Amino acid sequence: AYFGLFVVPAHRLLDDVVSLQVGRAWQRLQLAATLRGLVCQPMNQIPERICRERQLGHEPKMQSAAEQQLFLNGGLPTFCFRMGVPTREVPHSPRRPVEAVRGFGEGVQARTEE
């Protein structure tokens, strides 16, 4: 298995727009990997610990360790994952039938700010 990171500039780590962009990139990567017979798994302990230490005002131990060991060029990991070839057949995630979700939201009015 291989270990991968999405790295962003340190000052953008908690930026909502960046988080959405990284999430979209992850979805595309995971779909492309699946088409090629690879499997992926998010592994977000590193960014979660970095954010939690910041939130609590603790010494940035995880950030320091990541900077020293991962060669991030001043950035910080916002999403981590592993990817590889499955060792056994992997079942697809269950999906609801189209009929169960068709028409979802019909008749529901959008809420507007006043």
Protein backbone atom coordinates (compact mmCIF):
# COMPACT_ATOMS: atom_id res chain seq x y z
CA ALA A 1 0.00 0.00 0.00
CA TYR A 2 1.06 3.58 -0.57
CA PHE A 3 0.53 6.56 1.71
CA GLY A 4 -0.70 9.83 0.22
CA LEU A 5 -1.28 13.37 1.42
CA PHE A 6 -3.08 16.48 0.27
CA VAL A 7 -0.88 19.31 1.53
CA VAL A 8 -1.96 22.95 1.77
CA PRO A 9 -0.20 26.12 2.91
CA ALA A 10 -0.21 26.19 6.71
CA HIS A 11 -2.32 29.38 6.86
CA ARG A 12 -5.04 27.71 4.73
CA LEU A 13 -5.36 24.52 6.82
CA LEU A 14 -8.75 25.47 8.28
CA ASP A 15 -10.05 27.31 5.19
CA ASP A 16 -13.52 26.00 4.22
CA VAL A 17 -13.01 26.64 0.49
CA VAL A 18 -9.74 24.72 0.53
CA SER A 19 -11.41 21.89 2.46
CA LEU A 20 -14.10 21.61 -0.22
CA GLN A 21 -11.50 21.65 -3.00
CA VAL A 22 -9.48 18.92 -1.29
CA GLY A 23 -12.66 16.87 -0.75
CA ARG A 24 -13.49 17.10 -4.45
CA ALA A 25 -9.94 16.13 -5.39
CA TRP A 26 -10.13 13.13 -3.04
CA GLN A 27 -13.41 11.99 -4.60
CA ARG A 28 -11.92 12.20 -8.10
CA LEU A 29 -8.78 10.37 -7.03
CA GLN A 30 -10.73 7.62 -5.29
CA LEU A 31 -13.05 7.13 -8.28
CA ALA A 32 -10.10 6.99 -10.69
CA ALA A 33 -8.32 4.48 -8.44
CA THR A 34 -11.44 2.33 -8.22
CA LEU A 35 -11.70 2.25 -12.02
CA ARG A 36 -8.15 0.89 -12.06
CA GLY A 37 -8.87 -1.83 -9.49
CA LEU A 38 -7.21 -0.06 -6.55
CA VAL A 39 -8.67 0.50 -3.11
CA CYS A 40 -8.37 3.62 -0.95
CA GLN A 41 -8.89 4.43 2.69
CA PRO A 42 -8.83 7.84 4.42
CA MET A 43 -6.39 7.99 7.33
CA ASN A 44 -6.83 11.40 8.91
CA GLN A 45 -5.23 11.06 12.32
CA ILE A 46 -2.38 13.43 11.39
CA PRO A 47 -4.50 16.43 10.30
CA GLU A 48 -7.05 15.76 13.06
CA ARG A 49 -4.32 15.83 15.72
CA ILE A 50 -2.78 18.98 14.25
CA CYS A 51 -6.14 20.76 14.32
CA ARG A 52 -7.01 19.49 17.80
CA GLU A 53 -3.70 20.64 19.26
CA ARG A 54 -4.30 24.08 17.73
CA GLN A 55 -7.87 24.19 19.03
CA LEU A 56 -6.80 23.35 22.58
CA GLY A 57 -3.74 25.62 22.50
CA HIS A 58 -1.40 22.67 23.10
CA GLU A 59 2.18 22.36 21.98
CA PRO A 60 2.10 21.43 18.25
CA LYS A 61 3.70 17.99 18.65
CA MET A 62 1.95 16.37 15.67
CA GLN A 63 2.62 19.36 13.42
CA SER A 64 6.29 19.32 14.38
CA ALA A 65 6.54 15.58 13.75
CA ALA A 66 4.81 15.91 10.38
CA GLU A 67 7.08 18.78 9.34
CA GLN A 68 10.21 16.83 10.31
CA GLN A 69 9.26 13.48 8.78
CA LEU A 70 7.12 14.28 5.73
CA PHE A 71 9.09 17.04 3.94
CA LEU A 72 6.07 19.31 3.46
CA ASN A 73 7.92 22.45 2.26
CA GLY A 74 6.07 24.70 4.71
CA GLY A 75 2.64 23.17 4.10
CA LEU A 76 0.50 20.98 6.31
CA PRO A 77 -1.44 17.81 5.50
CA THR A 78 -5.17 18.42 5.33
CA PHE A 79 -6.09 14.90 4.17
CA CYS A 80 -4.18 11.61 4.36
CA PHE A 81 -4.97 8.26 2.81
CA ARG A 82 -3.58 4.91 1.80
CA MET A 83 -4.05 3.25 -1.57
CA GLY A 84 -3.15 -0.15 -2.88
CA VAL A 85 -4.12 -3.37 -4.57
CA PRO A 86 -6.78 -5.33 -2.67
CA THR A 87 -5.71 -8.68 -1.24
CA ARG A 88 -9.25 -10.06 -1.52
CA GLU A 89 -12.41 -9.18 -3.40
CA VAL A 90 -13.89 -5.97 -2.09
CA PRO A 91 -17.69 -5.64 -2.15
CA HIS A 92 -19.19 -2.43 -3.50
CA SER A 93 -20.81 -0.06 -1.04
CA PRO A 94 -24.56 -0.64 -0.78
CA ARG A 95 -26.72 1.76 -2.76
CA ARG A 96 -30.39 2.59 -2.55
CA PRO A 97 -32.42 1.94 -5.68
CA VAL A 98 -33.10 4.98 -7.88
CA GLU A 99 -36.80 4.72 -7.08
CA ALA A 100 -36.05 5.30 -3.40
CA VAL A 101 -34.49 8.70 -4.06
CA ARG A 102 -36.26 9.85 -7.21
CA GLY A 103 -38.21 13.00 -6.55
CA PHE A 104 -36.25 13.78 -3.40
CA GLY A 105 -36.89 17.37 -2.51
CA GLU A 106 -39.90 17.79 -4.76
CA GLY A 107 -42.47 20.01 -3.16
CA VAL A 108 -39.93 21.34 -0.68
CA GLN A 109 -39.46 25.08 -0.84
CA ALA A 110 -36.01 26.54 -0.53
CA ARG A 111 -35.47 28.60 2.58
CA THR A 112 -34.40 32.14 1.84
CA GLU A 113 -32.80 34.68 4.11
CA GLU A 114 -35.00 37.65 4.93
